[in-house]
Amino acid sequence: MMGLDNPLHILFLLAIVLLVFGAKRLPEMGRSLGSGMREFKQAITGEEQAKAIAATVQQSAPTTERSERVTAQPAAGTDVQ
């Protein structure tokens, strides 16, 4: 019977993957696979858009406050050229 229902088949497949890619690249591949799956899930559920909108709203509030301080009128009695 062909399939991955037998633990020996899974062990054999993991041994082949280890020989082909090497022990050094397996953690890198696992991380990139995990991050790819995470990004895909966020794209499907729309969580990324909600986070981006929230971050934009939070960043825009301090920016307008800072620009008001920069454009404020100089204090009375100062010489402006």
Foldseek 3Di string as FASTA:
>chain_A
DDDDPDVVVVVVVVVVVCVVPHPVCVVVVVVVVVVVVVVVVCVVVVVVVVVVVVVVVVVVVVVVVVVCVVPDDDDPPDDDD
